[in-house]
Amino acid sequence: MFKPTPNPPATPSTNIDARLADRALSHYNLGPKAISKPVPITPPSNQLSALATQEDALVNAYSLLQSAAATAYENADNQTGANRKVAMGVVHLIEMAQVWIDAVLDKQPASIGG
């Protein structure tokens, strides 16, 4: 008999972070700790020190939105019908957020650091 998919490896080749797995299971009310609340994820301290100003934080957020928009566009290209409309809706929401960030950045005075 022909089997269309190969057997999985005998041992898992990746290590799964138990904290993140527990958080994902808790978020969807799965697993033995379904009642526990998800653990909030905080950015590493080296990223916090890099965000010296509000403008830097907004520029970083804008960069993340650009990546999200590119991902959503790519996803929309591979969809048809209602799924494509949903993906393009996500693109539209991302672009609206980018416009808001642009407006905030345009109103801020330029900071000359020292």
N, C-alpha and C. Protein backbone atom coordinates (compact mmCIF):
# COMPACT_ATOMS: atom_id res chain seq x y z
N MET A 1 0.84 -1.17 0.00
CA MET A 1 0.00 0.00 0.00
C MET A 1 0.90 1.24 0.00
N PHE A 2 0.55 2.23 -0.81
CA PHE A 2 1.32 3.47 -0.91
C PHE A 2 0.85 4.45 0.13
N LYS A 3 1.78 4.99 0.87
CA LYS A 3 1.46 5.99 1.91
C LYS A 3 1.90 7.36 1.39
N PRO A 4 0.97 8.31 1.24
CA PRO A 4 1.32 9.60 0.64
C PRO A 4 2.20 10.49 1.51
N THR A 5 2.23 10.28 2.81
CA THR A 5 3.06 11.11 3.68
C THR A 5 4.07 10.25 4.41
N PRO A 6 5.26 10.77 4.67
CA PRO A 6 6.27 9.98 5.38
C PRO A 6 5.95 9.90 6.87
N ASN A 7 6.58 8.94 7.51
CA ASN A 7 6.42 8.81 8.95
C ASN A 7 7.12 9.98 9.64
N PRO A 8 6.59 10.43 10.80
CA PRO A 8 7.27 11.50 11.53
C PRO A 8 8.57 10.96 12.12
N PRO A 9 9.51 11.85 12.43
CA PRO A 9 10.76 11.39 13.04
C PRO A 9 10.50 10.71 14.37
N ALA A 10 11.39 9.81 14.74
CA ALA A 10 11.22 9.05 15.99
C ALA A 10 11.30 9.96 17.21
N THR A 11 12.18 10.94 17.17
CA THR A 11 12.29 11.88 18.27
C THR A 11 12.13 13.30 17.73
N PRO A 12 11.50 14.18 18.49
CA PRO A 12 11.35 15.55 18.00
C PRO A 12 12.71 16.23 17.89
N SER A 13 12.88 16.99 16.81
CA SER A 13 14.18 17.63 16.57
C SER A 13 14.23 19.06 17.11
N THR A 14 13.11 19.60 17.57
CA THR A 14 13.11 20.97 18.08
C THR A 14 12.72 20.98 19.55
N ASN A 15 13.25 21.95 20.26
CA ASN A 15 12.89 22.14 21.66
C ASN A 15 11.78 23.17 21.73
N ILE A 16 10.72 22.86 22.46
CA ILE A 16 9.59 23.75 22.60
C ILE A 16 9.67 24.42 23.96
N ASP A 17 9.57 25.74 23.98
CA ASP A 17 9.59 26.49 25.24
C ASP A 17 8.30 26.18 26.00
N ALA A 18 8.43 25.59 27.15
CA ALA A 18 7.26 25.16 27.93
C ALA A 18 6.37 26.34 28.31
N ARG A 19 6.97 27.50 28.62
CA ARG A 19 6.18 28.67 29.00
C ARG A 19 5.31 29.15 27.84
N LEU A 20 5.88 29.17 26.64
CA LEU A 20 5.11 29.61 25.48
C LEU A 20 4.03 28.60 25.11
N ALA A 21 4.35 27.32 25.23
CA ALA A 21 3.36 26.30 24.93
C ALA A 21 2.20 26.38 25.92
N ASP A 22 2.52 26.58 27.20
CA ASP A 22 1.47 26.71 28.22
C ASP A 22 0.61 27.94 27.96
N ARG A 23 1.25 29.03 27.54
CA ARG A 23 0.51 30.26 27.24
C ARG A 23 -0.45 30.05 26.07
N ALA A 24 0.03 29.36 25.02
CA ALA A 24 -0.83 29.11 23.86
C ALA A 24 -2.00 28.20 24.23
N LEU A 25 -1.72 27.16 25.00
CA LEU A 25 -2.80 26.26 25.41
C LEU A 25 -3.80 26.96 26.32
N SER A 26 -3.31 27.82 27.20
CA SER A 26 -4.20 28.56 28.10
C SER A 26 -5.05 29.55 27.33
N HIS A 27 -4.46 30.16 26.32
CA HIS A 27 -5.20 31.15 25.53
C HIS A 27 -6.42 30.52 24.86
N TYR A 28 -6.27 29.29 24.39
CA TYR A 28 -7.37 28.62 23.70
C TYR A 28 -8.14 27.66 24.62
N ASN A 29 -7.89 27.78 25.94
CA ASN A 29 -8.55 26.93 26.94
C ASN A 29 -8.35 25.45 26.64
N LEU A 30 -7.11 25.08 26.39
CA LEU A 30 -6.74 23.70 26.12
C LEU A 30 -5.74 23.24 27.17
N GLY A 31 -5.59 21.97 27.30
CA GLY A 31 -4.55 21.42 28.16
C GLY A 31 -4.94 21.38 29.62
N PRO A 32 -4.04 20.84 30.45
CA PRO A 32 -4.34 20.65 31.87
C PRO A 32 -4.45 21.96 32.65
N LYS A 33 -3.80 23.03 32.20
CA LYS A 33 -3.85 24.29 32.92
C LYS A 33 -4.76 25.28 32.19
N ALA A 34 -5.90 24.83 31.76
CA ALA A 34 -6.80 25.65 30.94
C ALA A 34 -7.33 26.85 31.70
N ILE A 35 -7.39 26.77 33.02
CA ILE A 35 -7.97 27.86 33.79
C ILE A 35 -6.95 28.98 34.01
N SER A 36 -5.67 28.68 33.94
CA SER A 36 -4.66 29.69 34.21
C SER A 36 -4.69 30.79 33.16
N LYS A 37 -4.27 31.99 33.59
CA LYS A 37 -4.24 33.13 32.69
C LYS A 37 -2.94 33.10 31.88
N PRO A 38 -2.97 33.62 30.63
CA PRO A 38 -1.75 33.64 29.83
C PRO A 38 -0.69 34.53 30.48
N VAL A 39 0.56 34.15 30.35
CA VAL A 39 1.67 34.91 30.90
C VAL A 39 1.96 36.06 29.95
N PRO A 40 1.96 37.31 30.44
CA PRO A 40 2.26 38.43 29.54
C PRO A 40 3.71 38.37 29.07
N ILE A 41 3.91 38.65 27.80
CA ILE A 41 5.25 38.66 27.24
C ILE A 41 5.76 40.09 27.27
N THR A 42 6.92 40.28 27.89
CA THR A 42 7.52 41.60 27.95
C THR A 42 8.74 41.62 27.03
N PRO A 43 8.97 42.75 26.35
CA PRO A 43 10.14 42.81 25.48
C PRO A 43 11.42 42.73 26.29
N PRO A 44 12.47 42.20 25.69
CA PRO A 44 13.74 42.13 26.40
C PRO A 44 14.23 43.52 26.78
N SER A 45 15.00 43.60 27.86
CA SER A 45 15.44 44.89 28.37
C SER A 45 16.34 45.63 27.37
N ASN A 46 17.08 44.90 26.54
CA ASN A 46 17.94 45.58 25.57
C ASN A 46 17.11 46.30 24.51
N GLN A 47 15.92 45.82 24.21
CA GLN A 47 15.04 46.52 23.27
C GLN A 47 14.42 47.75 23.93
N LEU A 48 14.12 47.67 25.22
CA LEU A 48 13.55 48.81 25.92
C LEU A 48 14.54 49.96 25.98
N SER A 49 15.81 49.68 26.20
CA SER A 49 16.79 50.76 26.26
C SER A 49 17.04 51.36 24.89
N ALA A 50 16.79 50.57 23.83
CA ALA A 50 16.98 51.09 22.47
C ALA A 50 15.88 52.08 22.10
N LEU A 51 14.74 52.00 22.75
CA LEU A 51 13.64 52.91 22.45
C LEU A 51 13.79 54.16 23.32
N ALA A 52 14.69 55.02 22.92
CA ALA A 52 15.02 56.18 23.75
C ALA A 52 13.91 57.22 23.73
N THR A 53 13.22 57.36 22.61
CA THR A 53 12.21 58.39 22.50
C THR A 53 10.91 57.81 21.97
N GLN A 54 9.88 58.60 22.10
CA GLN A 54 8.58 58.18 21.57
C GLN A 54 8.66 58.06 20.05
N GLU A 55 9.43 58.92 19.43
CA GLU A 55 9.58 58.87 17.97
C GLU A 55 10.21 57.55 17.54
N ASP A 56 11.23 57.10 18.29
CA ASP A 56 11.86 55.82 17.98
C ASP A 56 10.86 54.68 18.10
N ALA A 57 10.03 54.73 19.13
CA ALA A 57 9.02 53.69 19.31
C ALA A 57 8.03 53.69 18.15
N LEU A 58 7.62 54.87 17.70
CA LEU A 58 6.69 54.95 16.58
C LEU A 58 7.33 54.47 15.28
N VAL A 59 8.59 54.78 15.08
CA VAL A 59 9.29 54.31 13.88
C VAL A 59 9.39 52.79 13.89
N ASN A 60 9.69 52.22 15.05
CA ASN A 60 9.76 50.76 15.16
C ASN A 60 8.39 50.13 14.91
N ALA A 61 7.34 50.74 15.44
CA ALA A 61 5.98 50.22 15.21
C ALA A 61 5.63 50.30 13.72
N TYR A 62 6.02 51.38 13.08
CA TYR A 62 5.75 51.54 11.65
C TYR A 62 6.47 50.45 10.85
N SER A 63 7.70 50.15 11.25
CA SER A 63 8.46 49.10 10.57
C SER A 63 7.78 47.74 10.73
N LEU A 64 7.28 47.46 11.92
CA LEU A 64 6.54 46.21 12.14
C LEU A 64 5.28 46.16 11.29
N LEU A 65 4.59 47.30 11.18
CA LEU A 65 3.39 47.34 10.34
C LEU A 65 3.72 47.12 8.87
N GLN A 66 4.87 47.62 8.41
CA GLN A 66 5.27 47.37 7.03
C GLN A 66 5.48 45.88 6.78
N SER A 67 6.10 45.20 7.74
CA SER A 67 6.30 43.75 7.61
C SER A 67 4.97 43.02 7.62
N ALA A 68 4.05 43.45 8.49
CA ALA A 68 2.73 42.82 8.56
C ALA A 68 1.97 43.04 7.26
N ALA A 69 2.08 44.24 6.68
CA ALA A 69 1.39 44.52 5.42
C ALA A 69 1.94 43.65 4.30
N ALA A 70 3.26 43.49 4.23
CA ALA A 70 3.86 42.64 3.20
C ALA A 70 3.39 41.19 3.35
N THR A 71 3.32 40.72 4.60
CA THR A 71 2.84 39.36 4.85
C THR A 71 1.38 39.20 4.45
N ALA A 72 0.56 40.19 4.79
CA ALA A 72 -0.86 40.12 4.45
C ALA A 72 -1.08 40.19 2.95
N TYR A 73 -0.32 41.04 2.25
CA TYR A 73 -0.42 41.09 0.79
C TYR A 73 -0.07 39.74 0.18
N GLU A 74 1.01 39.14 0.65
CA GLU A 74 1.42 37.83 0.12
C GLU A 74 0.34 36.79 0.36
N ASN A 75 -0.26 36.82 1.54
CA ASN A 75 -1.34 35.89 1.85
C ASN A 75 -2.54 36.14 0.96
N ALA A 76 -2.88 37.40 0.73
CA ALA A 76 -4.03 37.73 -0.10
C ALA A 76 -3.82 37.26 -1.54
N ASP A 77 -2.59 37.33 -2.03
CA ASP A 77 -2.30 36.88 -3.39
C ASP A 77 -2.57 35.40 -3.57
N ASN A 78 -2.46 34.63 -2.49
CA ASN A 78 -2.65 33.19 -2.57
C ASN A 78 -4.08 32.75 -2.24
N GLN A 79 -4.99 33.70 -2.05
CA GLN A 79 -6.36 33.39 -1.67
C GLN A 79 -7.32 33.75 -2.80
N THR A 80 -8.53 33.21 -2.70
CA THR A 80 -9.59 33.56 -3.65
C THR A 80 -10.88 33.77 -2.86
N GLY A 81 -11.81 34.49 -3.47
CA GLY A 81 -13.14 34.66 -2.90
C GLY A 81 -13.14 35.37 -1.57
N ALA A 82 -13.93 34.82 -0.63
CA ALA A 82 -14.11 35.45 0.68
C ALA A 82 -12.80 35.51 1.47
N ASN A 83 -11.96 34.49 1.34
CA ASN A 83 -10.68 34.50 2.06
C ASN A 83 -9.79 35.64 1.59
N ARG A 84 -9.82 35.93 0.30
CA ARG A 84 -9.03 37.05 -0.22
C ARG A 84 -9.56 38.37 0.33
N LYS A 85 -10.88 38.50 0.43
CA LYS A 85 -11.47 39.73 0.97
C LYS A 85 -11.06 39.94 2.42
N VAL A 86 -11.01 38.88 3.19
CA VAL A 86 -10.60 38.98 4.58
C VAL A 86 -9.13 39.42 4.65
N ALA A 87 -8.28 38.80 3.84
CA ALA A 87 -6.86 39.16 3.85
C ALA A 87 -6.67 40.62 3.41
N MET A 88 -7.41 41.07 2.42
CA MET A 88 -7.29 42.46 1.99
C MET A 88 -7.85 43.40 3.05
N GLY A 89 -8.84 42.94 3.83
CA GLY A 89 -9.33 43.74 4.95
C GLY A 89 -8.25 43.95 5.98
N VAL A 90 -7.44 42.92 6.23
CA VAL A 90 -6.32 43.04 7.16
C VAL A 90 -5.31 44.04 6.62
N VAL A 91 -5.04 43.96 5.33
CA VAL A 91 -4.11 44.92 4.70
C VAL A 91 -4.63 46.34 4.90
N HIS A 92 -5.92 46.54 4.69
CA HIS A 92 -6.51 47.86 4.85
C HIS A 92 -6.36 48.37 6.28
N LEU A 93 -6.60 47.51 7.26
CA LEU A 93 -6.45 47.91 8.66
C LEU A 93 -5.00 48.29 8.97
N ILE A 94 -4.05 47.54 8.43
CA ILE A 94 -2.64 47.85 8.65
C ILE A 94 -2.30 49.20 8.04
N GLU A 95 -2.80 49.45 6.83
CA GLU A 95 -2.52 50.72 6.18
C GLU A 95 -3.14 51.89 6.95
N MET A 96 -4.32 51.68 7.54
CA MET A 96 -4.92 52.73 8.36
C MET A 96 -4.05 53.03 9.58
N ALA A 97 -3.51 51.99 10.20
CA ALA A 97 -2.62 52.19 11.36
C ALA A 97 -1.36 52.94 10.94
N GLN A 98 -0.84 52.63 9.75
CA GLN A 98 0.34 53.34 9.26
C GLN A 98 0.05 54.83 9.05
N VAL A 99 -1.14 55.16 8.57
CA VAL A 99 -1.52 56.56 8.38
C VAL A 99 -1.57 57.28 9.72
N TRP A 100 -2.09 56.62 10.75
CA TRP A 100 -2.14 57.23 12.08
C TRP A 100 -0.73 57.48 12.61
N ILE A 101 0.17 56.53 12.43
CA ILE A 101 1.55 56.71 12.89
C ILE A 101 2.22 57.83 12.13
N ASP A 102 1.98 57.89 10.81
CA ASP A 102 2.54 58.99 10.01
C ASP A 102 2.07 60.34 10.54
N ALA A 103 0.78 60.42 10.88
CA ALA A 103 0.23 61.68 11.37
C ALA A 103 0.90 62.09 12.69
N VAL A 104 1.12 61.14 13.57
CA VAL A 104 1.77 61.44 14.85
C VAL A 104 3.22 61.86 14.61
N LEU A 105 3.93 61.14 13.73
CA LEU A 105 5.32 61.48 13.46
C LEU A 105 5.45 62.85 12.80
N ASP A 106 4.51 63.19 11.93
CA ASP A 106 4.56 64.49 11.26
C ASP A 106 4.33 65.65 12.23
N LYS A 107 3.56 65.43 13.29
CA LYS A 107 3.25 66.50 14.25
C LYS A 107 4.33 66.67 15.30
N GLN A 108 5.21 65.67 15.48
CA GLN A 108 6.26 65.76 16.49
C GLN A 108 7.41 66.63 16.00
N PRO A 109 7.95 67.46 16.87
CA PRO A 109 9.13 68.21 16.48
C PRO A 109 10.33 67.27 16.33
N ALA A 110 11.19 67.58 15.42
CA ALA A 110 12.38 66.75 15.21
C ALA A 110 13.27 66.85 16.44
N SER A 111 13.75 65.70 16.91
CA SER A 111 14.61 65.71 18.10
C SER A 111 16.07 65.71 17.65
N ILE A 112 16.82 66.65 18.18
CA ILE A 112 18.25 66.71 17.91
C ILE A 112 18.93 66.28 19.18
N GLY A 113 19.42 65.05 19.15
CA GLY A 113 19.97 64.43 20.37
C GLY A 113 21.38 64.89 20.67
N GLY A 114 21.72 64.71 21.92
CA GLY A 114 23.06 65.06 22.32
C GLY A 114 23.47 64.30 23.54
